[in-house]
Amino acid sequence: MARLRLAGLRDWARRLKNDVLALWLAARDRRTPWAPKAIAVAVVAYALSPIDLIPDVIPVLGYLDDLLILPLGIWLAVRLMPAALMAGFRAQAEGMAHPVSRAGLVMVLLTWAALLAGGVWWWAG
């Protein structure tokens, strides 16, 4: 029973990774409508960023983005994407190497800088 659950989780994680790569392709394709493209850009930039917005060393919250926020963003982007396009992107993403997003790194660093600046402003004010 536990093996079946573990195998199911592995399959889910593999599909999720493939969907991130498919969304990366979708974000770069001009056929993708603007709404799913905007969501795909944000999700992919964050998913492929070399650092997390919430570091995993923070108990519970550190894994919240990996277990909840990221899958919800992927689900929304996939849901808004035309089915035929998404099927093509998924097929293209099969066996593709994992890219790294410098834009995601910049997004995470700018978010932390804004939070830090806001905290300093609040503390000093």
C-alpha atoms as a PDB file:
ATOM      1  CA  MET A   1       0.000   0.000   0.000  1.00  0.00           C
ATOM      2  CA  ALA A   2       2.776   2.447   0.942  1.00  0.00           C
ATOM      3  CA  ARG A   3       4.679   1.554  -2.234  1.00  0.00           C
ATOM      4  CA  LEU A   4       1.651   2.424  -4.344  1.00  0.00           C
ATOM      5  CA  ARG A   5       1.372   5.838  -2.667  1.00  0.00           C
ATOM      6  CA  LEU A   6       5.094   6.500  -3.109  1.00  0.00           C
ATOM      7  CA  ALA A   7       4.941   5.474  -6.767  1.00  0.00           C
ATOM      8  CA  GLY A   8       1.932   7.753  -7.228  1.00  0.00           C
ATOM      9  CA  LEU A   9       3.799  10.677  -5.669  1.00  0.00           C
ATOM     10  CA  ARG A  10       6.804  10.046  -7.904  1.00  0.00           C
ATOM     11  CA  ASP A  11       4.567  10.039 -10.989  1.00  0.00           C
ATOM     12  CA  TRP A  12       2.872  13.255  -9.838  1.00  0.00           C
ATOM     13  CA  ALA A  13       6.261  14.933  -9.269  1.00  0.00           C
ATOM     14  CA  ARG A  14       7.499  13.773 -12.679  1.00  0.00           C
ATOM     15  CA  ARG A  15       4.379  15.168 -14.374  1.00  0.00           C
ATOM     16  CA  LEU A  16       4.776  18.420 -12.455  1.00  0.00           C
ATOM     17  CA  LYS A  17       8.394  18.773 -13.578  1.00  0.00           C
ATOM     18  CA  ASN A  18       7.373  18.042 -17.163  1.00  0.00           C
ATOM     19  CA  ASP A  19       4.628  20.668 -16.925  1.00  0.00           C
ATOM     20  CA  VAL A  20       7.137  23.276 -15.700  1.00  0.00           C
ATOM     21  CA  LEU A  21       9.304  22.548 -18.730  1.00  0.00           C
ATOM     22  CA  ALA A  22       6.238  22.634 -20.999  1.00  0.00           C
ATOM     23  CA  LEU A  23       5.249  26.002 -19.505  1.00  0.00           C
ATOM     24  CA  TRP A  24       8.801  27.239 -20.102  1.00  0.00           C
ATOM     25  CA  LEU A  25       8.324  26.376 -23.777  1.00  0.00           C
ATOM     26  CA  ALA A  26       4.860  27.972 -23.756  1.00  0.00           C
ATOM     27  CA  ALA A  27       6.185  31.199 -22.256  1.00  0.00           C
ATOM     28  CA  ARG A  28       8.630  31.501 -25.160  1.00  0.00           C
ATOM     29  CA  ASP A  29       6.103  30.648 -27.888  1.00  0.00           C
ATOM     30  CA  ARG A  30       4.249  33.442 -29.673  1.00  0.00           C
ATOM     31  CA  ARG A  31       1.154  31.263 -30.177  1.00  0.00           C
ATOM     32  CA  THR A  32       0.506  31.242 -26.424  1.00  0.00           C
ATOM     33  CA  PRO A  33      -2.287  33.666 -25.377  1.00  0.00           C
ATOM     34  CA  TRP A  34      -1.196  36.520 -23.087  1.00  0.00           C
ATOM     35  CA  ALA A  35      -2.967  35.414 -19.843  1.00  0.00           C
ATOM     36  CA  PRO A  36      -1.512  31.886 -19.667  1.00  0.00           C
ATOM     37  CA  LYS A  37       1.810  33.278 -20.914  1.00  0.00           C
ATOM     38  CA  ALA A  38       1.977  35.814 -18.058  1.00  0.00           C
ATOM     39  CA  ILE A  39       1.196  33.135 -15.462  1.00  0.00           C
ATOM     40  CA  ALA A  40       3.602  30.691 -17.121  1.00  0.00           C
ATOM     41  CA  VAL A  41       6.413  33.270 -17.044  1.00  0.00           C
ATOM     42  CA  ALA A  42       5.911  33.890 -13.307  1.00  0.00           C
ATOM     43  CA  VAL A  43       5.597  30.190 -12.433  1.00  0.00           C
ATOM     44  CA  VAL A  44       8.551  29.111 -14.555  1.00  0.00           C
ATOM     45  CA  ALA A  45      10.783  31.960 -13.364  1.00  0.00           C
ATOM     46  CA  TYR A  46      10.109  30.956  -9.781  1.00  0.00           C
ATOM     47  CA  ALA A  47      10.237  27.189 -10.331  1.00  0.00           C
ATOM     48  CA  LEU A  48      13.534  27.303 -12.214  1.00  0.00           C
ATOM     49  CA  SER A  49      15.116  29.933  -9.983  1.00  0.00           C
ATOM     50  CA  PRO A  50      18.242  28.640  -8.260  1.00  0.00           C
ATOM     51  CA  ILE A  51      17.007  29.966  -4.882  1.00  0.00           C
ATOM     52  CA  ASP A  52      13.623  29.828  -3.124  1.00  0.00           C
ATOM     53  CA  LEU A  53      11.537  32.795  -2.046  1.00  0.00           C
ATOM     54  CA  ILE A  54      10.959  30.985   1.251  1.00  0.00           C
ATOM     55  CA  PRO A  55      14.118  28.983   2.095  1.00  0.00           C
ATOM     56  CA  ASP A  56      13.464  25.299   2.821  1.00  0.00           C
ATOM     57  CA  VAL A  57      15.303  25.545   6.153  1.00  0.00           C
ATOM     58  CA  ILE A  58      12.362  27.510   7.599  1.00  0.00           C
ATOM     59  CA  PRO A  59      10.135  24.862   9.245  1.00  0.00           C
ATOM     60  CA  VAL A  60       6.808  24.227   7.473  1.00  0.00           C
ATOM     61  CA  LEU A  61       6.789  27.516   5.511  1.00  0.00           C
ATOM     62  CA  GLY A  62       9.929  26.528   3.625  1.00  0.00           C
ATOM     63  CA  TYR A  63       8.115  23.741   1.836  1.00  0.00           C
ATOM     64  CA  LEU A  64       4.806  25.599   1.441  1.00  0.00           C
ATOM     65  CA  ASP A  65       5.860  27.086  -1.901  1.00  0.00           C
ATOM     66  CA  ASP A  66       7.026  23.719  -3.228  1.00  0.00           C
ATOM     67  CA  LEU A  67       3.950  21.809  -2.071  1.00  0.00           C
ATOM     68  CA  LEU A  68       1.155  24.339  -2.504  1.00  0.00           C
ATOM     69  CA  ILE A  69       1.921  27.601  -4.283  1.00  0.00           C
ATOM     70  CA  LEU A  70       3.916  26.187  -7.187  1.00  0.00           C
ATOM     71  CA  PRO A  71       1.475  23.361  -8.052  1.00  0.00           C
ATOM     72  CA  LEU A  72      -1.443  25.832  -7.919  1.00  0.00           C
ATOM     73  CA  GLY A  73       0.376  28.201 -10.286  1.00  0.00           C
ATOM     74  CA  ILE A  74       1.160  25.350 -12.652  1.00  0.00           C
ATOM     75  CA  TRP A  75      -2.453  24.155 -12.511  1.00  0.00           C
ATOM     76  CA  LEU A  76      -3.772  27.644 -13.306  1.00  0.00           C
ATOM     77  CA  ALA A  77      -1.387  28.170 -16.229  1.00  0.00           C
ATOM     78  CA  VAL A  78      -2.177  24.726 -17.671  1.00  0.00           C
ATOM     79  CA  ARG A  79      -5.909  25.288 -17.181  1.00  0.00           C
ATOM     80  CA  LEU A  80      -5.800  28.574 -19.118  1.00  0.00           C
ATOM     81  CA  MET A  81      -3.616  27.181 -21.905  1.00  0.00           C
ATOM     82  CA  PRO A  82      -5.391  25.892 -25.041  1.00  0.00           C
ATOM     83  CA  ALA A  83      -5.369  22.081 -24.770  1.00  0.00           C
ATOM     84  CA  ALA A  84      -3.815  21.456 -28.192  1.00  0.00           C
ATOM     85  CA  LEU A  85      -0.942  23.851 -27.491  1.00  0.00           C
ATOM     86  CA  MET A  86      -0.315  22.376 -24.041  1.00  0.00           C
ATOM     87  CA  ALA A  87      -0.255  18.842 -25.457  1.00  0.00           C
ATOM     88  CA  GLY A  88       2.386  19.934 -27.970  1.00  0.00           C
ATOM     89  CA  PHE A  89       4.478  21.643 -25.300  1.00  0.00           C
ATOM     90  CA  ARG A  90       4.238  18.584 -23.040  1.00  0.00           C
ATOM     91  CA  ALA A  91       5.402  16.322 -25.856  1.00  0.00           C
ATOM     92  CA  GLN A  92       8.299  18.682 -26.587  1.00  0.00           C
ATOM     93  CA  ALA A  93       9.265  18.809 -22.894  1.00  0.00           C
ATOM     94  CA  GLU A  94       9.613  15.024 -22.572  1.00  0.00           C
ATOM     95  CA  GLY A  95      13.240  14.189 -21.886  1.00  0.00           C
ATOM     96  CA  MET A  96      14.308  17.842 -22.059  1.00  0.00           C
ATOM     97  CA  ALA A  97      17.194  19.078 -19.898  1.00  0.00           C
ATOM     98  CA  HIS A  98      16.329  21.247 -16.867  1.00  0.00           C
ATOM     99  CA  PRO A  99      17.059  24.927 -17.667  1.00  0.00           C
ATOM    100  CA  VAL A 100      17.933  27.517 -15.004  1.00  0.00           C
ATOM    101  CA  SER A 101      16.066  30.818 -14.846  1.00  0.00           C
ATOM    102  CA  ARG A 102      18.154  33.911 -14.231  1.00  0.00           C
ATOM    103  CA  ALA A 103      14.937  35.931 -14.369  1.00  0.00           C
ATOM    104  CA  GLY A 104      13.627  33.818 -11.485  1.00  0.00           C
ATOM    105  CA  LEU A 105      16.767  34.512  -9.501  1.00  0.00           C
ATOM    106  CA  VAL A 106      16.362  38.247 -10.085  1.00  0.00           C
ATOM    107  CA  MET A 107      12.648  38.058  -9.163  1.00  0.00           C
ATOM    108  CA  VAL A 108      13.398  36.295  -5.861  1.00  0.00           C
ATOM    109  CA  LEU A 109      16.271  38.647  -5.003  1.00  0.00           C
ATOM    110  CA  LEU A 110      14.153  41.744  -5.762  1.00  0.00           C
ATOM    111  CA  THR A 111      11.311  40.392  -3.603  1.00  0.00           C
ATOM    112  CA  TRP A 112      13.683  39.826  -0.677  1.00  0.00           C
ATOM    113  CA  ALA A 113      15.204  43.306  -1.191  1.00  0.00           C
ATOM    114  CA  ALA A 114      11.737  44.884  -1.181  1.00  0.00           C
ATOM    115  CA  LEU A 115      10.786  42.979   1.988  1.00  0.00           C
ATOM    116  CA  LEU A 116      14.020  44.007   3.653  1.00  0.00           C
ATOM    117  CA  ALA A 117      13.580  47.660   2.628  1.00  0.00           C
ATOM    118  CA  GLY A 118       9.977  47.603   3.864  1.00  0.00           C
ATOM    119  CA  GLY A 119      11.084  46.116   7.181  1.00  0.00           C
ATOM    120  CA  VAL A 120      13.787  48.742   7.633  1.00  0.00           C
ATOM    121  CA  TRP A 121      11.325  51.516   6.742  1.00  0.00           C
ATOM    122  CA  TRP A 122       8.739  50.141   9.202  1.00  0.00           C
ATOM    123  CA  TRP A 123      11.326  49.688  11.959  1.00  0.00           C
ATOM    124  CA  ALA A 124      12.796  53.191  11.512  1.00  0.00           C
ATOM    125  CA  GLY A 125       9.404  54.903  11.147  1.00  0.00           C
END
